[in-house]
Protein backbone atom coordinates (compact mmCIF):
# COMPACT_ATOMS: atom_id res chain seq x y z
CA MET A 1 0.00 0.00 0.00
CA LYS A 2 2.88 2.38 0.68
CA LYS A 3 4.08 1.78 -2.87
CA GLY A 4 0.59 2.49 -4.15
CA LEU A 5 0.37 5.71 -2.16
CA THR A 6 3.75 6.83 -3.51
CA TRP A 7 2.48 6.16 -7.03
CA PHE A 8 -0.66 8.12 -6.30
CA LEU A 9 1.21 11.14 -4.92
CA SER A 10 3.56 11.08 -7.92
CA LEU A 11 0.52 10.99 -10.16
CA LEU A 12 -0.83 14.05 -8.43
CA MET A 13 2.41 15.92 -9.07
CA LEU A 14 2.11 15.09 -12.75
CA SER A 15 -1.59 15.66 -12.81
CA MET A 16 -3.32 17.19 -15.77
CA SER A 17 -5.93 19.90 -15.38
CA PHE A 18 -8.45 20.09 -18.26
CA ILE A 19 -11.99 21.42 -18.06
CA THR A 20 -13.56 20.18 -21.28
CA ALA A 21 -14.98 22.60 -23.82
CA ASN A 22 -17.68 20.11 -24.72
CA ALA A 23 -20.06 21.67 -22.20
CA GLN A 24 -20.54 24.42 -24.78
CA GLN A 25 -21.24 21.95 -27.62
CA GLU A 26 -24.79 21.35 -28.73
CA ASP A 27 -24.59 17.57 -28.35
CA PHE A 28 -23.14 17.63 -24.83
CA PRO A 29 -25.67 16.00 -22.47
CA GLN A 30 -27.77 18.05 -20.08
CA ILE A 31 -26.83 17.02 -16.53
CA SER A 32 -29.08 17.20 -13.48
CA SER A 33 -26.31 17.07 -10.85
CA ASP A 34 -24.94 20.41 -9.67
CA TYR A 35 -21.44 19.02 -9.10
CA VAL A 36 -19.66 16.79 -11.62
CA TYR A 37 -16.10 15.54 -11.72
CA MET A 38 -14.96 13.05 -14.37
CA VAL A 39 -11.42 11.85 -15.09
CA ASP A 40 -9.76 9.40 -17.44
CA LEU A 41 -8.11 6.89 -15.12
CA ASP A 42 -5.40 6.04 -17.66
CA THR A 43 -4.30 9.46 -18.94
CA ASN A 44 -5.38 11.26 -15.74
CA GLN A 45 -7.17 13.89 -17.83
CA VAL A 46 -10.00 15.80 -16.23
CA MET A 47 -12.84 15.49 -18.71
CA VAL A 48 -15.50 17.46 -16.80
CA ASP A 49 -15.05 19.68 -13.76
CA GLU A 50 -18.07 21.43 -12.36
CA GLY A 51 -17.43 22.41 -8.74
CA SER A 52 -14.92 19.68 -7.84
CA GLU A 53 -13.49 21.79 -5.01
CA GLU A 54 -16.83 22.92 -3.57
CA ILE A 55 -17.70 21.61 -0.12
CA ILE A 56 -20.46 18.98 -0.32
CA TYR A 57 -22.21 16.47 1.94
CA PRO A 58 -21.11 12.99 0.80
CA ALA A 59 -24.11 11.05 2.18
CA SER A 60 -23.50 7.30 1.73
CA MET A 61 -20.48 7.85 -0.51
CA THR A 62 -18.88 8.07 2.95
CA LYS A 63 -19.04 4.28 3.03
CA MET A 64 -16.20 4.08 0.51
CA MET A 65 -13.87 5.35 3.25
CA THR A 66 -15.60 3.16 5.85
CA LEU A 67 -15.08 0.12 3.62
CA LEU A 68 -11.43 0.95 2.93
CA VAL A 69 -10.52 1.51 6.60
CA ALA A 70 -12.43 -1.61 7.66
CA ILE A 71 -10.59 -3.74 5.08
CA GLU A 72 -7.17 -2.38 6.01
CA ASN A 73 -7.77 -3.01 9.70
CA ALA A 74 -9.45 -6.42 9.45
CA PRO A 75 -6.98 -9.19 10.33
CA ASP A 76 -9.33 -11.89 9.04
CA LEU A 77 -12.43 -11.49 6.86
CA ASP A 78 -13.85 -14.69 8.32
CA GLN A 79 -13.64 -13.35 11.87
CA THR A 80 -17.06 -13.30 13.56
CA MET A 81 -18.85 -11.03 16.00
CA VAL A 82 -22.20 -11.01 17.78
CA LEU A 83 -24.37 -8.00 17.02
CA GLU A 84 -25.30 -6.32 20.30
CA ALA A 85 -27.92 -3.62 20.87
CA GLU A 86 -25.33 -0.83 20.44
CA VAL A 87 -25.09 -1.70 16.75
CA PHE A 88 -28.70 -0.67 16.10
CA GLU A 89 -29.11 2.30 18.45
CA GLY A 90 -30.60 5.37 16.80
CA LEU A 91 -30.61 3.96 13.24
CA ALA A 92 -34.38 3.64 12.93
CA GLU A 93 -34.91 7.13 14.34
CA ALA A 94 -32.42 8.54 11.81
CA HIS A 95 -34.17 6.66 8.96
CA ALA A 96 -30.84 5.09 8.05
CA SER A 97 -30.69 2.33 5.45
CA VAL A 98 -29.77 -1.05 6.93
CA ALA A 99 -28.56 -4.41 5.68
CA GLY A 100 -31.15 -6.36 7.66
CA PHE A 101 -29.10 -8.04 10.37
CA SER A 102 -30.81 -9.06 13.61
CA LEU A 103 -29.99 -8.36 17.25
CA GLY A 104 -27.85 -11.16 18.73
CA GLU A 105 -26.88 -12.49 15.32
CA THR A 106 -23.39 -13.86 14.64
CA VAL A 107 -21.88 -12.46 11.44
CA THR A 108 -18.52 -12.52 9.67
CA VAL A 109 -16.48 -9.47 8.79
CA ARG A 110 -16.90 -10.41 5.14
CA ASP A 111 -20.69 -10.28 5.41
CA LEU A 112 -20.46 -6.96 7.24
CA LEU A 113 -18.32 -5.50 4.46
CA TYR A 114 -20.79 -6.48 1.76
CA GLY A 115 -23.70 -5.45 3.97
CA LEU A 116 -22.07 -2.07 4.43
CA PHE A 117 -21.58 -1.43 0.73
CA LEU A 118 -24.24 -3.12 -1.40
CA PRO A 119 -27.45 -2.26 0.53
CA SER A 120 -25.62 0.68 2.18
CA GLY A 121 -26.25 -0.74 5.63
CA ALA A 122 -25.62 1.60 8.55
CA ASP A 123 -25.98 -1.40 10.89
CA ALA A 124 -22.99 -3.02 9.15
CA SER A 125 -20.89 0.14 9.30
CA ARG A 126 -21.63 0.54 13.04
CA ALA A 127 -20.76 -3.13 13.69
CA LEU A 128 -17.44 -2.85 11.86
CA ALA A 129 -16.57 0.27 13.85
CA LEU A 130 -17.30 -1.45 17.17
CA LEU A 131 -15.36 -4.55 16.18
CA GLU A 132 -12.24 -2.82 14.90
CA ALA A 133 -12.05 0.33 17.02
CA GLY A 134 -14.26 -0.23 20.03
CA SER A 135 -16.60 2.65 19.20
CA GLU A 136 -17.89 4.55 16.21
CA GLU A 137 -16.09 7.70 17.39
CA ALA A 138 -12.73 5.90 17.46
CA PHE A 139 -13.33 4.39 14.02
CA VAL A 140 -14.26 7.82 12.62
CA ALA A 141 -10.95 9.11 13.94
CA MET A 142 -9.25 6.38 11.91
CA MET A 143 -11.22 7.51 8.84
CA ASN A 144 -10.10 11.10 9.32
CA ASP A 145 -6.50 9.97 9.79
CA LYS A 146 -6.72 8.09 6.49
CA ALA A 147 -8.18 11.13 4.78
CA ALA A 148 -5.27 13.24 6.00
CA GLN A 149 -2.82 10.59 4.79
CA LEU A 150 -4.38 10.71 1.32
CA GLY A 151 -4.25 14.51 1.16
CA MET A 152 -8.03 14.95 1.46
CA GLU A 153 -7.61 18.42 2.91
CA ASP A 154 -11.27 19.48 2.67
CA THR A 155 -12.74 16.30 4.15
CA HIS A 156 -14.01 15.69 7.67
CA PHE A 157 -16.03 12.68 8.79
CA VAL A 158 -18.39 12.62 11.77
CA ASN A 159 -19.92 9.16 11.37
CA THR A 160 -19.35 5.92 9.44
CA SER A 161 -22.55 5.89 7.40
CA GLY A 162 -22.93 9.37 5.92
CA LEU A 163 -25.95 10.41 7.97
CA HIS A 164 -26.28 14.17 7.64
CA ASP A 165 -24.20 16.38 9.88
CA ARG A 166 -23.19 19.92 8.98
CA ASN A 167 -19.58 19.05 9.84
CA HIS A 168 -19.55 15.83 7.80
CA VAL A 169 -18.16 17.21 4.53
CA THR A 170 -15.86 16.55 1.59
CA THR A 171 -15.26 17.57 -2.06
CA LEU A 172 -15.45 15.64 -5.30
CA ARG A 173 -11.72 16.10 -5.80
CA ASP A 174 -11.06 14.61 -2.34
CA LEU A 175 -13.29 11.65 -3.15
CA GLU A 176 -11.28 11.09 -6.32
CA LYS A 177 -8.12 10.83 -4.21
CA LEU A 178 -9.85 8.28 -2.01
CA MET A 179 -11.05 6.23 -4.97
CA ARG A 180 -7.72 6.21 -6.78
CA TYR A 181 -6.07 4.84 -3.67
CA ALA A 182 -8.83 2.40 -2.77
CA LEU A 183 -9.02 0.94 -6.28
CA GLN A 184 -5.54 -0.49 -5.70
CA ASN A 185 -6.97 -2.74 -2.98
CA GLU A 186 -8.22 -6.03 -4.44
CA THR A 187 -10.83 -6.63 -1.75
CA PHE A 188 -12.19 -3.09 -2.14
CA VAL A 189 -12.43 -3.49 -5.93
CA GLN A 190 -14.18 -6.84 -5.60
CA ILE A 191 -16.85 -5.41 -3.29
CA PHE A 192 -17.08 -2.12 -5.24
CA GLN A 193 -17.90 -4.04 -8.42
CA THR A 194 -20.18 -6.71 -6.92
CA ARG A 195 -23.76 -6.64 -8.19
CA ARG A 196 -25.34 -9.23 -5.91
CA TYR A 197 -24.20 -11.04 -2.77
CA THR A 198 -25.74 -13.61 -0.43
CA ALA A 199 -24.73 -13.39 3.24
CA THR A 200 -25.22 -16.24 5.71
CA PRO A 201 -25.57 -14.76 9.20
CA SER A 202 -26.59 -17.12 12.00
CA MET A 203 -30.27 -16.13 12.21
CA HIS A 204 -30.89 -16.21 8.45
CA PRO A 205 -30.49 -19.83 7.39
CA GLU A 206 -31.65 -19.04 3.85
CA GLY A 207 -29.23 -16.11 3.67
CA LEU A 208 -29.61 -12.40 3.14
CA VAL A 209 -29.51 -11.45 -0.53
CA TRP A 210 -28.32 -7.95 -1.33
CA GLU A 211 -28.18 -6.17 -4.68
CA SER A 212 -26.06 -3.09 -5.17
CA THR A 213 -28.05 0.12 -4.81
CA LEU A 214 -26.46 1.16 -8.13
CA PHE A 215 -26.99 -2.01 -10.14
CA SER A 216 -30.51 -2.53 -8.83
CA ARG A 217 -31.55 0.60 -10.75
CA ILE A 218 -29.67 -0.53 -13.85
CA SER A 219 -31.03 -4.10 -13.80
CA SER A 220 -34.56 -2.77 -13.31
CA GLY A 221 -34.34 -1.04 -16.69
CA GLU A 222 -34.46 2.52 -15.32
CA VAL A 223 -31.00 3.04 -16.80
CA ASP A 224 -29.51 1.02 -19.66
CA ASN A 225 -25.71 0.97 -19.38
CA ASP A 226 -23.36 -1.99 -19.63
CA THR A 227 -20.10 -0.04 -19.25
CA ILE A 228 -20.45 0.77 -15.54
CA LEU A 229 -18.22 -1.56 -13.51
CA GLY A 230 -19.22 -0.48 -10.02
CA GLY A 231 -20.02 2.40 -7.74
CA LYS A 232 -21.54 3.78 -4.57
CA THR A 233 -24.74 5.78 -4.45
CA GLY A 234 -25.67 8.26 -1.76
CA TYR A 235 -28.70 10.27 -0.75
CA THR A 236 -29.85 12.71 1.91
CA ASN A 237 -32.02 15.76 1.45
CA PRO A 238 -29.11 18.22 1.93
CA ALA A 239 -26.73 16.13 -0.21
CA GLY A 240 -29.21 15.33 -2.97
CA GLN A 241 -28.61 12.21 -5.04
CA CYS A 242 -24.91 11.33 -5.30
CA LEU A 243 -22.89 8.71 -7.14
CA ALA A 244 -19.23 7.68 -7.33
CA SER A 245 -18.62 5.15 -10.12
CA ILE A 246 -16.19 3.78 -12.69
CA ALA A 247 -16.86 2.56 -16.23
CA GLU A 248 -14.81 0.91 -18.97
CA GLN A 249 -15.13 0.37 -22.69
CA ASP A 250 -12.54 -0.65 -25.30
CA GLY A 251 -9.68 -0.19 -22.83
CA THR A 252 -10.69 3.31 -21.69
CA ARG A 253 -11.60 3.70 -18.01
CA TYR A 254 -13.41 6.67 -16.53
CA LEU A 255 -14.01 7.68 -12.91
CA LEU A 256 -17.07 9.85 -12.32
CA ILE A 257 -18.38 11.50 -9.16
CA THR A 258 -21.59 13.51 -9.10
CA ALA A 259 -23.44 15.21 -6.25
CA HIS A 260 -26.55 17.23 -5.50
CA ALA A 261 -28.89 15.86 -8.15
CA PRO A 262 -32.55 16.70 -7.47
CA VAL A 263 -34.26 14.71 -4.73
CA SER A 264 -36.71 12.50 -6.60
CA SER A 265 -37.80 8.91 -7.18
CA THR A 266 -36.11 9.31 -10.57
CA PRO A 267 -32.44 8.23 -10.33
CA TYR A 268 -31.01 11.42 -11.80
CA HIS A 269 -27.52 10.63 -10.44
CA ILE A 270 -27.41 7.31 -12.33
CA GLN A 271 -28.93 8.86 -15.44
CA ASP A 272 -26.21 11.53 -15.38
CA ALA A 273 -23.55 8.82 -15.22
CA ASP A 274 -25.17 6.98 -18.13
CA LEU A 275 -25.28 10.14 -20.28
CA LEU A 276 -21.71 11.20 -19.54
CA TYR A 277 -20.19 7.77 -20.03
CA ASP A 278 -22.04 7.31 -23.31
CA TYR A 279 -20.97 10.72 -24.55
CA PHE A 280 -17.26 10.31 -23.92
CA PHE A 281 -17.10 6.70 -25.07
CA GLU A 282 -18.77 7.74 -28.32
CA HIS A 283 -16.96 11.00 -29.05
CA TYR A 284 -13.47 10.55 -27.58
CA THR A 285 -10.57 8.22 -28.28
CA LYS A 286 -6.98 7.69 -27.12
CA THR A 287 -4.66 9.67 -29.40
CA PRO A 288 -0.82 9.43 -29.39
CA VAL A 289 0.56 12.99 -29.31
CA ILE A 290 4.27 12.62 -28.38
CA SER A 291 6.49 9.63 -29.05
CA GLU A 292 8.90 8.23 -26.49
CA SER A 293 12.00 9.33 -28.43
CA GLU A 294 10.76 12.75 -29.57
CA VAL A 295 13.23 15.51 -28.62
CA LEU A 296 11.47 18.24 -26.66
CA LEU A 297 14.47 20.39 -25.69
CA GLU A 298 18.19 20.42 -26.49
CA ASP A 299 20.66 22.84 -24.90
CA LYS A 300 24.14 23.18 -23.36
CA VAL A 301 24.86 22.69 -19.64
CA ARG A 302 27.31 25.20 -18.12
CA TYR A 303 30.46 24.07 -16.31
CA VAL A 304 30.58 20.68 -18.06
CA LEU A 305 33.94 19.92 -19.67
CA PHE A 306 32.89 17.16 -22.06
CA SER A 307 29.49 16.04 -23.42
CA ASP A 308 27.69 19.14 -22.23
CA THR A 309 24.59 18.72 -24.42
CA LEU A 310 21.31 18.07 -22.61
CA THR A 311 18.55 16.38 -24.60
CA LEU A 312 15.11 16.08 -23.02
CA SER A 313 12.33 13.75 -24.09
CA SER A 314 9.11 12.69 -22.36
CA GLU A 315 10.73 9.34 -21.32
CA GLU A 316 7.54 7.60 -22.44
CA ALA A 317 4.97 7.97 -25.17
CA ILE A 318 2.19 10.43 -24.29
CA VAL A 319 -1.35 9.50 -25.19
CA LEU A 320 -4.30 11.82 -24.58
CA ASN A 321 -8.04 11.28 -24.65
CA LEU A 322 -9.19 13.66 -27.38
CA PRO A 323 -12.23 14.12 -29.63
CA LYS A 324 -12.18 11.69 -32.52
CA ASP A 325 -12.16 14.55 -35.05
CA PHE A 326 -9.49 16.59 -33.19
CA ASP A 327 -7.01 18.45 -35.43
CA ARG A 328 -3.47 17.71 -34.22
CA SER A 329 -2.30 21.13 -35.43
CA GLN A 330 -4.40 22.62 -32.62
CA LEU A 331 -2.16 21.02 -30.01
CA GLN A 332 0.43 23.42 -28.57
CA VAL A 333 3.58 22.05 -26.89
CA GLU A 334 5.57 24.16 -24.39
CA VAL A 335 8.76 23.18 -22.54
CA THR A 336 9.90 25.51 -19.74
CA LEU A 337 13.12 25.16 -17.74
CA THR A 338 12.55 25.23 -13.99
CA GLN A 339 16.21 25.97 -13.16
CA PRO A 340 19.34 27.25 -14.95
CA LEU A 341 21.13 24.59 -17.00
CA GLU A 342 24.23 24.59 -14.81
CA ALA A 343 26.17 21.61 -13.42
CA PRO A 344 25.99 19.78 -11.16
CA ILE A 345 22.79 18.04 -12.29
CA SER A 346 21.90 14.54 -11.10
CA GLU A 347 20.27 11.86 -13.19
CA GLY A 348 16.51 11.98 -12.69
CA GLN A 349 16.58 15.52 -11.28
CA PRO A 350 13.51 17.59 -12.32
CA ILE A 351 14.70 20.40 -14.57
CA ALA A 352 11.81 21.33 -16.88
CA THR A 353 8.04 21.24 -17.30
CA LEU A 354 6.19 19.96 -20.35
CA GLN A 355 2.75 21.46 -20.99
CA LEU A 356 0.30 20.55 -23.73
CA TYR A 357 -2.51 22.92 -24.65
CA ARG A 358 -5.62 22.47 -26.71
CA THR A 359 -6.10 25.64 -28.77
CA ASP A 360 -9.33 24.99 -30.68
CA GLY A 361 -11.46 26.97 -28.21
CA GLU A 362 -11.69 30.62 -27.27
CA GLN A 363 -8.96 30.15 -24.65
CA PRO A 364 -6.08 27.64 -24.66
CA GLN A 365 -6.92 24.72 -22.39
CA LEU A 366 -4.21 22.93 -20.44
CA LEU A 367 -4.35 19.20 -21.19
CA LEU A 368 -1.19 18.00 -19.53
CA SER A 369 1.52 19.27 -17.22
CA ARG A 370 4.41 16.90 -16.64
CA THR A 371 7.84 17.21 -15.06
CA LEU A 372 10.84 16.42 -17.28
CA ASN A 373 13.90 14.93 -15.61
CA SER A 374 17.59 14.96 -16.50
CA PRO A 375 18.48 11.81 -18.49
CA ARG A 376 21.95 11.55 -16.91
CA THR A 377 24.37 13.13 -14.44
CA TYR A 378 26.32 16.26 -15.41
CA ARG A 379 29.41 16.78 -13.25
CA ARG A 380 30.76 20.22 -12.42
CA SER A 381 34.22 21.00 -13.81
CA ALA A 382 36.40 22.89 -11.29
CA LEU A 383 38.59 24.08 -14.18
CA LEU A 384 35.68 25.70 -16.04
CA VAL A 385 34.36 27.20 -12.82
CA GLY A 386 37.83 28.69 -12.09
CA ILE A 387 38.16 30.11 -15.60
CA ASP A 388 34.72 31.64 -15.33
CA GLN A 389 35.54 33.22 -11.96
CA VAL A 390 38.77 34.73 -13.38
CA LEU A 391 36.89 36.16 -16.34
CA GLN A 392 34.27 37.58 -14.03
CA TRP A 393 36.99 39.15 -11.86
CA ILE A 394 38.61 40.69 -14.91
CA ARG A 395 35.34 41.99 -16.20
CA SER A 396 34.38 43.42 -12.84
CA HIS A 397 37.81 45.04 -12.27
CA LEU A 398 37.98 46.39 -15.78
CA ALA A 399 34.67 48.00 -15.15
CA VAL A 400 35.93 49.54 -11.90
CA THR A 401 39.13 50.76 -13.59
CA PHE A 402 37.22 52.24 -16.50
CA LEU A 403 34.78 53.99 -14.20
CA GLY A 404 37.67 55.34 -12.09
CA ALA A 405 39.51 56.66 -15.12
CA LEU A 406 36.33 58.20 -16.43
CA ALA A 407 35.77 59.90 -13.07
CA VAL A 408 39.33 61.32 -13.10
CA VAL A 409 38.91 62.65 -16.65
CA LEU A 410 35.64 64.27 -15.71
CA CYS A 411 37.24 65.88 -12.65
CA LEU A 412 40.09 67.25 -14.76
CA ILE A 413 37.69 68.67 -17.27
CA LEU A 414 35.64 70.27 -14.53
CA LEU A 415 38.79 71.69 -12.91
CA ARG A 416 40.00 73.12 -16.20
CA ASP A 417 36.65 74.77 -16.83
CA TRP A 418 36.67 76.16 -13.30
CA HIS A 419 40.10 77.74 -13.80
CA ARG A 420 38.97 79.30 -17.06
CA GLU A 421 35.99 80.85 -15.36
CA GLN A 422 38.17 82.17 -12.58
CA ARG A 423 40.55 83.89 -15.04
CA ARG A 424 37.68 85.40 -16.94
CA TYR A 425 36.26 87.24 -13.95
CA ARG A 426 39.58 88.11 -12.17
CA THR A 427 40.17 91.99 -11.63
CA PRO A 428 43.12 93.16 -13.81
CA ARG A 429 46.13 94.62 -11.94
CA PRO A 430 47.02 98.34 -12.57
CA ALA A 431 49.95 98.86 -14.95
CA LYS A 432 53.29 99.95 -13.44
CA LYS A 433 54.42 103.56 -14.13
CA ARG A 434 57.64 103.87 -16.07
CA ARG A 435 60.24 106.30 -14.88
CA PRO A 436 61.17 108.96 -17.37
CA HIS A 437 64.64 108.73 -18.88
CA LEU A 438 66.82 111.59 -17.84
């Protein structure tokens, strides 16, 4: 997991920021959700960004963090616990959705995990918290610690289920960070993508059958989409209808999070996902834009005695998700040095930034921003540094000498002019009388 987190943080540093221009196109779908954030999981492009940094109430999308923390802190998924009265306290009064477990029932951690996620059971989330942390408050602290670890700076959890609380908040961009990390966990992915599951708690000999709150709407025919792999719905009156999901078609994977769709029996949040996925799968395709060996910058490195030429490439082929009819001439490439090209430079040291812009709209749109690293080490030559210092000393002293000489010449000129002025205004002496010759 540490390796995965390192990868994720590196990905953030190389992240691309692109708010698509398609929202202005006539065929772009009309969306009911107020907040929409959609990214290409492979290229990391942001395809749609409508309020991704706005504070929202996550409702039951909270259970993605609950599930992740429960998985990471569960020593054995077949471990059992007996459900005491504390598990169910206050849930009916809060009108919380439940998985259907009974008081005094013996259940496995595995069943609790599926009961938490598929039917969005608050009884399962409470049970997991009590089992792994001793109390819901202690488990919520673990959730907040995980959020801080993932860089979810605008997120704060108050409970494990997503029941409304004015201090229980997040952003779509924070939820993306959570999902990117969690999707590296095999158990999380398996549960996230499960459509139907049968649990076998002790008091239900025939089992409890749960269908995902997402796929139940799709299988019922309310939404027709076969590209959605999995997701987590959410709903409260303040949060509206919410959905975090992923979809895949022909090797392209999208992550989509929506929030604050109208409160209705109509699944606007799932309809929005269907419309957006269909649109981008139909109109966009992966397009190679820079080859692995393409030279992006070539320049000399100072203070290197031999082989002082620096050649930068992208180190790997760059592929973007672009409209199928996109004109490649409307792609602008910029390479900017982030430091002077002066030795010493270590191999792999970041020294430049590559930026790709889409210029077919009214304003250039940033598609990609990536750090370029030095392909090798450039050692500093003491000889060249010494020669440069001598030349600098000469140049600086010549300048001082020249300025000094110029000052002396100016003083002499001023002194000469002063003497001339003095002679001009000096009173003439009376002439001496000559004695007459006798």
